[in-house]
Each structure stands twice: as C-alpha cells, then as structure tokens.
C-alpha cells in the first residue's frame, strides 16, 4: 500500500476519530511520511551505508553464538539484477529488471510486504554476463531516490509514493559505452547534485541537478569504472570535493563546478575493471584497490588541491569487493572471483603490512558494525569476526539459503537485507534478523 492509499483509508475511517478531532488522521499520516522519507541513524541510504565506507551507523551488540542456519524473517521475489538495497525508515528500496522494464520497488523492512513499484523502459542487453538487471544501489536524499540503471539511465523517484519525478537516458544522450557489464558505478548525491561516473564523450564525469535532472556540468573524457565516487569535505572552505575512480585514472574535482583539481593514473588496459570504492584512512589519506595486476594505491590530498601518491603495492588486490577500516586494520578481499582464488586479509592501515590472512576464504562483501565485521560470501556463508583482532578467527558463522549473493548487503538495526540471485531473470530479497 502506498502513502496516498494509506491516507485514503485513514480518511475513510475519519468519523470514528471525530471525538479526538480529524487532526489525529493528519498527524498519523505525517508520522508515516516522516518514517518513510527521513533517514534515521540506523538507515542504510546508499551504497556501503551512511558514509559509503561499509560501516553501520550504530554499534549494535551482536551475539557470537549462531545456529547453523539463521531464520529468515521474510522473503520477497523480485526481478534480475546485482544491485544491493537501500534502507530508509521502514522501507527497503531495490532496483530490478522484469521483462522490458527496470523498476524501483519498495518493501516493508518489517515483513517484506510490497509497498509500491515505479517502472520505466529498459534497453540494456547482457553481454559477458546474461543478467540484464541493474547493478547499482539506489541513492536516497530526503524523499528522493536516484536510480542508475544498467543502460546508464538515471531516474529520480519520490519514495513517499513511488512517483517518477524525472528520467535521463544519460549514456545514450552522451554516447557512452556499455562496458563489460553495463553501467555499474553508483552515483554520488551531494549538495543538490547527482554526480555520475558516466564515460560519455566529453562527459566522462557528469553532474545533474537533483530537482530537475538537467545537466549542471561535465568533465573529462575518461571511460567509466564500476567503482563509486565518494565525497570529501574541504578542510579550507565549506565546499565539497569528489574523488572519482574512472577506468584508468582517479580524479579529484570540485563537486559544484566540475573543475578538475588533480588526477593520478590507476588502472590497467585490457580486460580489466576498477570496481572497489575508495576508503578513507583518516588524516586526508585514501586507499584504492583493484585486481588484474593493478594492486593498491594510497593517496593523500594536499591543500584540497593535489592528489599525492604515497605508495603503490600489492597489499590488497580486490576484484570488486570494497574493504572496511576497523580501528587500525583494513579488512578486505585479496583476489578474484573469476579465477577462484581469493583470501581475506587484514593489513595495517599505516604501514600496509599484512597482519593476518585467511587463505582460500573466497570473495565476500563486508559490513563493519563497531569493531565486528560481517562477511557475506558469494556462495551464501555468513560470518562474523573481530576486525581489530591480531589474528583471524570466525566468532560465528551460518549458512544462508542456496544461491548466489553477488549483490551488496544492507544493514539496519540488526536486520540484514540480502539479494539472492536465482536465475538470469529472477532474484529474491531475504531479511535476516541477526542474534
């Protein structure tokens, strides 16, 4: 049931509220609006959580004794896609592909019941991977969700009722290439703009107005990556900067004007991708990682203007999983899914030295909850470890229902929302109530 339907039903029962005044109906409706559209401290409103760093907003105290299989709170069948969900208030928002349409769907976080679905035409055709669904996580700002589809269409949806506000076929308009797997860099919503690593002609990076969808600026000729840009607050002004990993270069730019401030080479030609999102290490330092012989790059930003290369090494070479920083340790995947060799490593964030390594761990997405780290393996094994510990030890583990868990998980208030791929045309949302 969407918001307008809810208000309509409340209005139908208004006579029973007359003794208390019709305002109670409006007050309840206002509470519903607030619950749906206003992010809370427990929300997961975009890729990698509140701050795009894989950290949950709250340091929930999770139990370390789990059954072999954790009970599934609810399930919801949806279309294809590799994109993870966003969580805002009581809503789970997910991009999907069904037949000739892409859509943003809203489900209840409490019981998985569908609330609304906003659809638009889809044109992407799978190449290397037959899955034709979206690869990106919805990005929520206030009452709007910005959705970047597999064909490079950018869509704005009002999350209070599922209304389509505007839509741009950016990749088609600006003649960008589909890449190996379609568009997969989740945009950055910042200061009234949506910044997209697009890869278009004369628009390698483009910003559109959040309210209207109109282009505000475009910059570079760089090809797109699958890594998502991050926001950086200026230390000398109120301005915000954006750090954008493209196919071969990492760019620092002024988010409001698109002015390029600095760039460094990061990437490799051939059948390669940059897919892990940059992670802040503190004190103006940032960590980038990629596989295919690219390795890791540690950068620092000098005077809000210049990217300074601190080190290049093989400390962590992740194909697409983004590491998390817990205390002084960076926990991440070293290796590749497609060749079947990947380990879980902890490295010192300052020295880049390996602290411990779990060989043959396999690829996994990571979520940090306080000092604990949740691991979600591709094949569906869920684990829990202490991210500050000097050695590797699983505190708890549990097997999820059989399937492929390539999509990024989302977390809010001990509820873990996962997307399980069933086939090239169908997937399923699962919600796990963590102990």
Protein backbone atom coordinates (compact mmCIF):
# COMPACT_ATOMS: atom_id res chain seq x y z
CA UNK A 1 0.00 0.00 0.00
CA UNK A 2 1.46 3.40 -0.95
CA UNK A 3 1.14 6.57 1.07
CA UNK A 4 -1.83 8.02 -0.83
CA UNK A 5 -3.73 4.75 -0.38
CA UNK A 6 -2.91 4.78 3.32
CA UNK A 7 -4.18 8.33 3.75
CA UNK A 8 -7.30 7.45 1.75
CA UNK A 9 -8.06 4.52 4.04
CA UNK A 10 -7.43 6.64 7.12
CA UNK A 11 -9.79 9.28 5.74
CA UNK A 12 -12.45 6.60 5.20
CA UNK A 13 -12.39 5.84 8.91
CA UNK A 14 -12.27 9.51 9.88
CA UNK A 15 -15.75 9.58 11.51
CA UNK A 16 -14.52 7.22 14.24
CA UNK A 17 -11.86 9.76 15.06
CA UNK A 18 -14.19 12.75 15.35
CA UNK A 19 -14.19 12.72 19.13
CA UNK A 20 -10.45 13.26 19.10
CA UNK A 21 -10.51 15.50 16.06
CA UNK A 22 -9.68 14.85 12.44
CA UNK A 23 -6.17 16.11 13.15
CA UNK A 24 -5.22 12.70 14.51
CA UNK A 25 -5.62 11.32 10.96
CA UNK A 26 -3.38 14.00 9.55
CA UNK A 27 -0.93 13.50 12.39
CA UNK A 28 -0.69 9.78 11.70
CA UNK A 29 -0.21 10.48 8.01
CA UNK A 30 2.57 12.93 8.87
CA UNK A 31 4.23 10.28 11.02
CA UNK A 32 4.05 7.83 8.11
CA UNK A 33 5.65 10.39 5.81
CA UNK A 34 8.41 11.03 8.33
CA UNK A 35 9.04 7.31 8.82
CA UNK A 36 9.28 6.69 5.08
CA UNK A 37 11.26 9.66 3.85
CA UNK A 38 13.53 10.75 6.69
CA UNK A 39 16.73 8.74 7.11
CA UNK A 40 17.50 7.74 10.70
CA UNK A 41 20.73 6.84 12.44
CA UNK A 42 20.07 3.16 11.73
CA UNK A 43 19.49 3.60 7.99
CA UNK A 44 21.50 2.31 5.03
CA UNK A 45 20.53 5.00 2.46
CA UNK A 46 23.11 4.29 -0.25
CA UNK A 47 25.90 2.00 -1.36
CA UNK A 48 28.12 0.90 1.55
CA UNK A 49 25.94 2.57 4.16
CA UNK A 50 25.53 6.07 5.63
CA UNK A 51 29.09 7.22 4.86
CA UNK A 52 29.98 5.00 1.87
CA UNK A 53 32.59 3.17 3.90
CA UNK A 54 30.87 -0.12 4.74
CA UNK A 55 30.16 0.92 8.35
CA UNK A 56 26.78 0.64 10.03
CA UNK A 57 25.62 3.82 11.73
CA UNK A 58 25.13 2.11 15.10
CA UNK A 59 27.48 -0.15 17.06
CA UNK A 60 24.91 -2.89 17.70
CA UNK A 61 25.98 -5.64 20.07
CA UNK A 62 25.67 -8.83 18.05
CA UNK A 63 25.69 -12.26 19.64
CA UNK A 64 28.59 -14.53 18.75
CA UNK A 65 26.70 -17.82 19.08
CA UNK A 66 24.67 -18.55 15.97
CA UNK A 67 22.72 -21.60 14.80
CA UNK A 68 23.93 -23.37 11.67
CA UNK A 69 21.13 -21.63 9.76
CA UNK A 70 19.75 -18.29 10.87
CA UNK A 71 15.97 -17.97 10.47
CA UNK A 72 14.78 -15.88 7.54
CA UNK A 73 12.47 -13.11 8.75
CA UNK A 74 10.90 -12.65 5.30
CA UNK A 75 11.41 -13.28 1.58
CA UNK A 76 10.27 -11.33 -1.48
CA UNK A 77 10.64 -12.44 -5.11
CA UNK A 78 11.92 -9.71 -7.44
CA UNK A 79 13.41 -9.46 -10.93
CA UNK A 80 17.01 -9.75 -12.05
CA UNK A 81 19.96 -7.59 -11.10
CA UNK A 82 23.10 -7.42 -8.97
CA UNK A 83 22.27 -4.16 -7.20
CA UNK A 84 22.00 -4.16 -3.43
CA UNK A 85 19.21 -2.50 -1.47
CA UNK A 86 18.96 0.79 0.39
CA UNK A 87 17.10 1.02 3.71
CA UNK A 88 15.30 4.20 4.76
CA UNK A 89 12.94 4.18 7.72
CA UNK A 90 10.62 1.21 7.25
CA UNK A 91 11.37 0.82 3.53
CA UNK A 92 13.71 -1.48 1.62
CA UNK A 93 14.39 0.02 -1.82
CA UNK A 94 15.77 -2.18 -4.61
CA UNK A 95 16.40 -1.78 -8.33
CA UNK A 96 15.34 -4.69 -10.53
CA UNK A 97 14.65 -5.75 -14.11
CA UNK A 98 11.47 -7.59 -15.13
CA UNK A 99 10.91 -8.20 -18.83
CA UNK A 100 11.21 -4.93 -20.73
CA UNK A 101 11.15 -2.72 -17.64
CA UNK A 102 13.52 -1.63 -14.92
CA UNK A 103 11.94 -0.53 -11.68
CA UNK A 104 12.49 0.64 -8.14
CA UNK A 105 10.49 -1.40 -5.66
CA UNK A 106 9.71 -0.68 -2.03
CA UNK A 107 9.18 -3.45 0.52
CA UNK A 108 8.46 -3.25 4.23
CA UNK A 109 11.56 -3.82 6.36
CA UNK A 110 9.35 -5.43 9.00
CA UNK A 111 7.59 -8.11 6.96
CA UNK A 112 8.69 -7.78 3.32
CA UNK A 113 5.27 -6.79 2.03
CA UNK A 114 5.42 -4.81 -1.25
CA UNK A 115 4.52 -1.12 -0.85
CA UNK A 116 4.92 0.31 -4.36
CA UNK A 117 6.86 -0.13 -7.59
CA UNK A 118 7.94 2.55 -10.08
CA UNK A 119 8.69 1.25 -13.61
CA UNK A 120 10.41 2.64 -16.71
CA UNK A 121 11.55 1.08 -20.03
CA UNK A 122 14.79 -0.94 -20.01
CA UNK A 123 17.09 -1.34 -23.01
CA UNK A 124 20.26 -2.99 -21.69
CA UNK A 125 21.18 -6.39 -23.14
CA UNK A 126 23.56 -8.65 -21.23
CA UNK A 127 26.90 -9.44 -22.83
CA UNK A 128 29.53 -11.27 -20.80
CA UNK A 129 27.00 -11.95 -18.05
CA UNK A 130 23.44 -12.77 -19.17
CA UNK A 131 21.86 -10.93 -16.23
CA UNK A 132 20.23 -7.78 -17.64
CA UNK A 133 19.27 -6.19 -14.36
CA UNK A 134 20.64 -3.06 -12.65
CA UNK A 135 23.99 -3.22 -10.88
CA UNK A 136 23.69 -0.14 -8.64
CA UNK A 137 22.27 0.62 -5.21
CA UNK A 138 19.58 3.33 -5.03
CA UNK A 139 20.87 6.57 -3.50
CA UNK A 140 18.39 8.30 -1.17
CA UNK A 141 18.41 12.01 -0.37
CA UNK A 142 15.41 13.22 1.60
CA UNK A 143 12.27 11.98 -0.16
CA UNK A 144 14.05 11.15 -3.44
CA UNK A 145 15.86 8.05 -4.64
CA UNK A 146 18.29 8.32 -7.56
CA UNK A 147 18.50 5.14 -9.61
CA UNK A 148 21.22 4.35 -12.14
CA UNK A 149 20.20 1.53 -14.47
CA UNK A 150 22.26 -0.97 -16.43
CA UNK A 151 21.88 1.04 -19.66
CA UNK A 152 23.04 4.24 -17.98
CA UNK A 153 19.58 5.73 -17.42
CA UNK A 154 19.37 7.99 -14.37
CA UNK A 155 15.92 8.14 -12.75
CA UNK A 156 14.57 10.12 -9.81
CA UNK A 157 11.74 8.55 -7.81
CA UNK A 158 9.77 10.03 -4.91
CA UNK A 159 9.95 7.39 -2.17
CA UNK A 160 6.81 8.53 -0.34
CA UNK A 161 4.59 7.21 -3.14
CA UNK A 162 6.74 5.74 -5.94
CA UNK A 163 6.18 8.68 -8.31
CA UNK A 164 8.63 9.04 -11.19
CA UNK A 165 9.94 12.63 -10.95
CA UNK A 166 12.36 12.73 -13.90
CA UNK A 167 14.46 10.41 -16.05
CA UNK A 168 17.53 10.88 -18.26
CA UNK A 169 18.99 8.36 -20.73
CA UNK A 170 22.46 9.69 -19.95
CA UNK A 171 24.59 7.04 -21.63
CA UNK A 172 22.55 7.22 -24.82
CA UNK A 173 22.48 11.03 -24.85
CA UNK A 174 26.21 11.40 -24.23
CA UNK A 175 27.31 8.37 -26.27
CA UNK A 176 28.90 6.36 -23.50
CA UNK A 177 29.96 2.74 -23.93
CA UNK A 178 28.18 -0.04 -22.03
CA UNK A 179 31.42 -1.51 -20.74
CA UNK A 180 31.73 -5.19 -19.90
CA UNK A 181 28.68 -5.44 -17.63
CA UNK A 182 26.63 -2.31 -18.31
CA UNK A 183 26.60 0.74 -16.06
CA UNK A 184 27.60 -0.13 -12.51
CA UNK A 185 29.07 2.89 -10.73
CA UNK A 186 26.55 4.04 -8.11
CA UNK A 187 26.18 7.85 -8.40
CA UNK A 188 27.01 10.32 -5.63
CA UNK A 189 24.27 12.67 -4.38
CA UNK A 190 25.85 15.80 -2.95
CA UNK A 191 24.79 19.42 -2.42
CA UNK A 192 21.82 19.33 -4.78
CA UNK A 193 23.67 17.39 -7.50
CA UNK A 194 23.94 13.79 -8.65
CA UNK A 195 27.47 13.02 -9.86
CA UNK A 196 27.80 10.09 -12.27
CA UNK A 197 30.93 8.32 -13.48
CA UNK A 198 29.45 8.05 -16.97
CA UNK A 199 32.20 7.55 -19.53
CA UNK A 200 30.46 9.71 -22.14
CA UNK A 201 32.03 11.71 -24.97
CA UNK A 202 33.11 14.94 -23.33
CA UNK A 203 31.31 13.74 -20.23
CA UNK A 204 33.44 11.13 -18.53
CA UNK A 205 32.02 12.51 -15.27
CA UNK A 206 28.74 14.42 -15.31
CA UNK A 207 26.59 16.17 -12.69
CA UNK A 208 22.84 16.72 -12.95
CA UNK A 209 20.50 18.78 -10.81
CA UNK A 210 18.70 16.67 -8.21
CA UNK A 211 15.42 18.56 -8.62
CA UNK A 212 15.22 18.71 -12.41
CA UNK A 213 17.69 16.18 -13.86
CA UNK A 214 19.24 18.90 -16.02
CA UNK A 215 22.99 18.77 -16.65
CA UNK A 216 24.92 21.18 -14.44
CA UNK A 217 28.44 20.32 -15.59
CA UNK A 218 30.51 17.67 -17.36
CA UNK A 219 34.22 16.91 -17.14
CA UNK A 220 36.94 14.66 -18.61
CA UNK A 221 36.95 12.15 -21.42
CA UNK A 222 37.60 9.24 -19.06
CA UNK A 223 35.92 5.86 -19.51
CA UNK A 224 33.63 4.75 -16.71
CA UNK A 225 34.58 2.33 -13.96
CA UNK A 226 32.46 0.19 -11.64
CA UNK A 227 33.81 1.95 -8.54
CA UNK A 228 31.56 4.51 -6.87
CA UNK A 229 32.69 8.11 -6.23
CA UNK A 230 32.96 9.43 -2.67
CA UNK A 231 32.52 12.89 -1.14
CA UNK A 232 35.36 14.68 0.62
CA UNK A 233 34.80 17.72 2.80
CA UNK A 234 37.21 20.56 2.10
CA UNK A 235 39.48 21.45 5.01
CA UNK A 236 39.80 25.08 3.93
CA UNK A 237 36.22 26.01 2.95
CA UNK A 238 32.60 24.86 3.04
CA UNK A 239 32.98 23.29 -0.38
CA UNK A 240 32.75 19.56 -1.01
CA UNK A 241 35.13 17.69 -3.27
CA UNK A 242 34.54 14.42 -5.08
CA UNK A 243 37.03 11.59 -5.53
CA UNK A 244 36.11 9.61 -8.65
CA UNK A 245 37.81 6.39 -9.75
CA UNK A 246 37.41 6.05 -13.52
CA UNK A 247 38.63 3.23 -15.78
CA UNK A 248 42.27 4.33 -15.83
CA UNK A 249 42.51 7.48 -13.71
CA UNK A 250 41.42 8.68 -10.27
CA UNK A 251 40.21 12.28 -10.30
CA UNK A 252 39.77 14.88 -7.57
CA UNK A 253 37.30 17.60 -8.56
CA UNK A 254 35.18 20.42 -7.21
CA UNK A 255 31.73 18.90 -6.83
CA UNK A 256 29.86 22.13 -7.60
CA UNK A 257 31.71 23.20 -10.74
CA UNK A 258 33.33 20.03 -12.07
CA UNK A 259 36.73 21.71 -12.07
CA UNK A 260 39.48 19.09 -12.13
CA UNK A 261 41.87 19.72 -9.26
CA UNK A 262 44.18 16.74 -9.65
CA UNK A 263 44.41 13.22 -11.04
CA UNK A 264 46.61 10.12 -10.82
CA UNK A 265 46.88 7.05 -13.00
CA UNK A 266 45.12 3.99 -11.55
CA UNK A 267 44.04 1.09 -13.73
CA UNK A 268 45.24 -1.19 -16.47
CA UNK A 269 44.35 -1.62 -20.13
CA UNK A 270 42.90 -4.85 -21.42
CA UNK A 271 40.01 -6.88 -19.98
CA UNK A 272 40.15 -5.19 -16.57
CA UNK A 273 37.89 -3.18 -14.26
CA UNK A 274 38.20 -0.83 -11.31
CA UNK A 275 35.28 -1.74 -9.07
CA UNK A 276 36.10 -1.23 -5.38
CA UNK A 277 35.09 2.10 -3.83
CA UNK A 278 37.87 4.29 -2.29
CA UNK A 279 38.10 4.09 1.50
CA UNK A 280 39.15 6.95 3.79
CA UNK A 281 42.02 6.04 6.13
CA UNK A 282 41.91 9.28 8.12
CA UNK A 283 44.13 12.37 8.07
CA UNK A 284 43.36 13.04 4.42
CA UNK A 285 44.53 9.61 3.25
CA UNK A 286 42.60 7.28 0.91
CA UNK A 287 43.04 3.67 -0.13
CA UNK A 288 42.27 2.30 -3.60
CA UNK A 289 42.40 -1.34 -4.61
CA UNK A 290 41.95 -3.31 -7.83
CA UNK A 291 42.90 -6.69 -9.22
CA UNK A 292 44.34 -7.52 -12.70
CA UNK A 293 47.86 -6.58 -11.61
CA UNK A 294 46.85 -3.07 -10.56
CA UNK A 295 47.15 -3.63 -6.80
CA UNK A 296 46.70 -0.97 -4.14
CA UNK A 297 47.29 2.78 -4.16
CA UNK A 298 47.40 5.01 -1.08
CA UNK A 299 46.75 8.70 -1.74
CA UNK A 300 46.77 11.82 0.37
CA UNK A 301 45.26 15.19 -0.51
CA UNK A 302 47.43 18.27 -0.11
CA UNK A 303 45.79 21.68 0.40
CA UNK A 304 42.48 20.40 -1.04
CA UNK A 305 44.06 20.59 -4.47
CA UNK A 306 46.54 17.84 -5.19
CA UNK A 307 46.45 14.06 -5.02
CA UNK A 308 49.78 12.88 -3.63
CA UNK A 309 50.77 9.30 -4.31
CA UNK A 310 52.07 7.78 -1.07
CA UNK A 311 52.57 4.17 -2.13
CA UNK A 312 51.72 1.53 -4.70
CA UNK A 313 51.94 -2.10 -3.63
CA UNK A 314 50.24 -5.48 -3.69
CA UNK A 315 48.94 -5.27 -0.11
CA UNK A 316 45.37 -5.86 -1.30
CA UNK A 317 44.18 -6.59 -4.84
CA UNK A 318 40.39 -6.80 -4.83
CA UNK A 319 38.43 -7.51 -7.99
CA UNK A 320 35.27 -5.75 -6.80
CA UNK A 321 34.79 -6.12 -3.02
CA UNK A 322 35.39 -2.90 -1.05
CA UNK A 323 37.44 -3.25 2.17
CA UNK A 324 36.44 -1.79 5.55
CA UNK A 325 38.62 0.06 8.04
CA UNK A 326 38.23 -1.14 11.63
CA UNK A 327 40.49 0.53 14.16
CA UNK A 328 43.95 0.46 12.61
CA UNK A 329 43.27 -2.52 10.36
CA UNK A 330 41.92 -2.58 6.83
CA UNK A 331 39.98 -5.81 6.24
CA UNK A 332 39.45 -6.83 2.64
CA UNK A 333 39.40 -9.47 -0.08
CA UNK A 334 42.61 -10.14 -1.98
CA UNK A 335 41.95 -12.00 -5.22
CA UNK A 336 39.40 -12.66 -7.94
CA UNK A 337 36.10 -14.47 -8.20
CA UNK A 338 36.54 -15.47 -11.83
CA UNK A 339 39.78 -17.38 -11.22
CA UNK A 340 38.56 -18.86 -7.94
CA UNK A 341 41.44 -17.63 -5.78
CA UNK A 342 40.68 -15.09 -3.06
CA UNK A 343 41.72 -14.65 0.56
CA UNK A 344 40.54 -12.45 3.41
CA UNK A 345 43.31 -10.19 4.70
CA UNK A 346 43.91 -7.65 7.43
CA UNK A 347 46.57 -5.07 6.71
CA UNK A 348 47.92 -2.26 8.84
CA UNK A 349 46.36 0.94 7.50
CA UNK A 350 49.57 2.90 8.07
CA UNK A 351 52.35 0.51 7.09
CA UNK A 352 50.35 -1.66 4.62
CA UNK A 353 51.86 -4.75 6.23
CA UNK A 354 49.77 -7.90 6.39
CA UNK A 355 48.55 -8.63 9.94
CA UNK A 356 46.80 -11.89 9.12
CA UNK A 357 45.42 -13.78 6.14
CA UNK A 358 42.70 -16.40 5.71
CA UNK A 359 43.74 -18.21 2.55
CA UNK A 360 41.07 -19.54 0.16
CA UNK A 361 38.37 -17.61 2.02
CA UNK A 362 36.66 -16.70 -1.26
CA UNK A 363 35.11 -13.43 -2.34
CA UNK A 364 32.84 -11.74 0.17
CA UNK A 365 31.13 -8.44 0.92
CA UNK A 366 31.96 -6.85 4.27
CA UNK A 367 30.00 -4.73 6.74
CA UNK A 368 31.60 -3.22 9.85
CA UNK A 369 29.42 -2.94 12.96
CA UNK A 370 31.56 -1.33 15.61
CA UNK A 371 34.68 -3.50 15.85
CA UNK A 372 32.86 -6.52 14.39
CA UNK A 373 32.84 -7.38 10.69
CA UNK A 374 30.07 -9.29 8.92
CA UNK A 375 31.22 -11.31 5.91
CA UNK A 376 28.78 -12.42 3.21
CA UNK A 377 30.39 -14.91 0.85
CA UNK A 378 29.34 -15.27 -2.77
CA UNK A 379 28.01 -18.77 -2.11
CA UNK A 380 25.94 -17.67 0.89
CA UNK A 381 28.01 -18.31 4.01
CA UNK A 382 27.54 -15.59 6.62
CA UNK A 383 30.34 -14.97 9.10
CA UNK A 384 31.29 -12.69 11.99
CA UNK A 385 34.78 -11.71 13.14
CA UNK A 386 36.56 -9.16 15.30
CA UNK A 387 38.10 -6.64 12.91
CA UNK A 388 40.59 -5.37 15.49
CA UNK A 389 41.93 -8.79 16.46
CA UNK A 390 45.60 -9.57 15.69
CA UNK A 391 44.69 -12.90 14.10
CA UNK A 392 41.84 -14.37 12.06
CA UNK A 393 39.10 -16.19 13.90
CA UNK A 394 35.44 -16.55 12.96
CA UNK A 395 33.32 -15.81 16.01
CA UNK A 396 30.17 -17.14 14.36
CA UNK A 397 29.01 -18.49 11.01
CA UNK A 398 25.76 -19.57 9.41
CA UNK A 399 24.66 -20.85 6.02
CA UNK A 400 22.17 -18.80 4.02
CA UNK A 401 19.67 -20.36 1.58
CA UNK A 402 21.36 -21.75 -1.54
CA UNK A 403 22.05 -19.13 -4.18
CA UNK A 404 24.49 -16.51 -5.40
CA UNK A 405 24.96 -13.44 -3.20
CA UNK A 406 26.79 -11.09 -5.54
CA UNK A 407 24.73 -8.03 -4.58
CA UNK A 408 25.91 -5.78 -1.76
CA UNK A 409 24.06 -6.43 1.53
CA UNK A 410 22.32 -3.70 3.55
CA UNK A 411 22.08 -3.44 7.34
CA UNK A 412 19.82 -1.61 9.79
CA UNK A 413 19.11 -2.29 13.47
CA UNK A 414 20.27 -5.93 13.44
CA UNK A 415 18.37 -6.62 10.23
CA UNK A 416 20.48 -7.81 7.30
CA UNK A 417 18.88 -7.47 3.85
CA UNK A 418 20.39 -9.68 1.14
CA UNK A 419 19.71 -10.28 -2.54
CA UNK A 420 19.94 -13.89 -3.71
CA UNK A 421 20.28 -14.48 -7.45
CA UNK A 422 18.13 -17.43 -8.52
CA UNK A 423 18.49 -17.20 -12.32
CA UNK A 424 19.36 -14.70 -15.04
CA UNK A 425 15.83 -13.29 -14.77
CA UNK A 426 14.91 -13.66 -11.11
CA UNK A 427 16.25 -12.93 -7.67
CA UNK A 428 14.94 -12.82 -4.12
CA UNK A 429 15.24 -10.42 -1.21
CA UNK A 430 15.92 -12.02 2.15
CA UNK A 431 15.85 -10.35 5.55
CA UNK A 432 17.80 -11.98 8.37
CA UNK A 433 17.23 -10.96 11.99
CA UNK A 434 20.74 -11.20 13.45
CA UNK A 435 21.11 -12.51 17.02
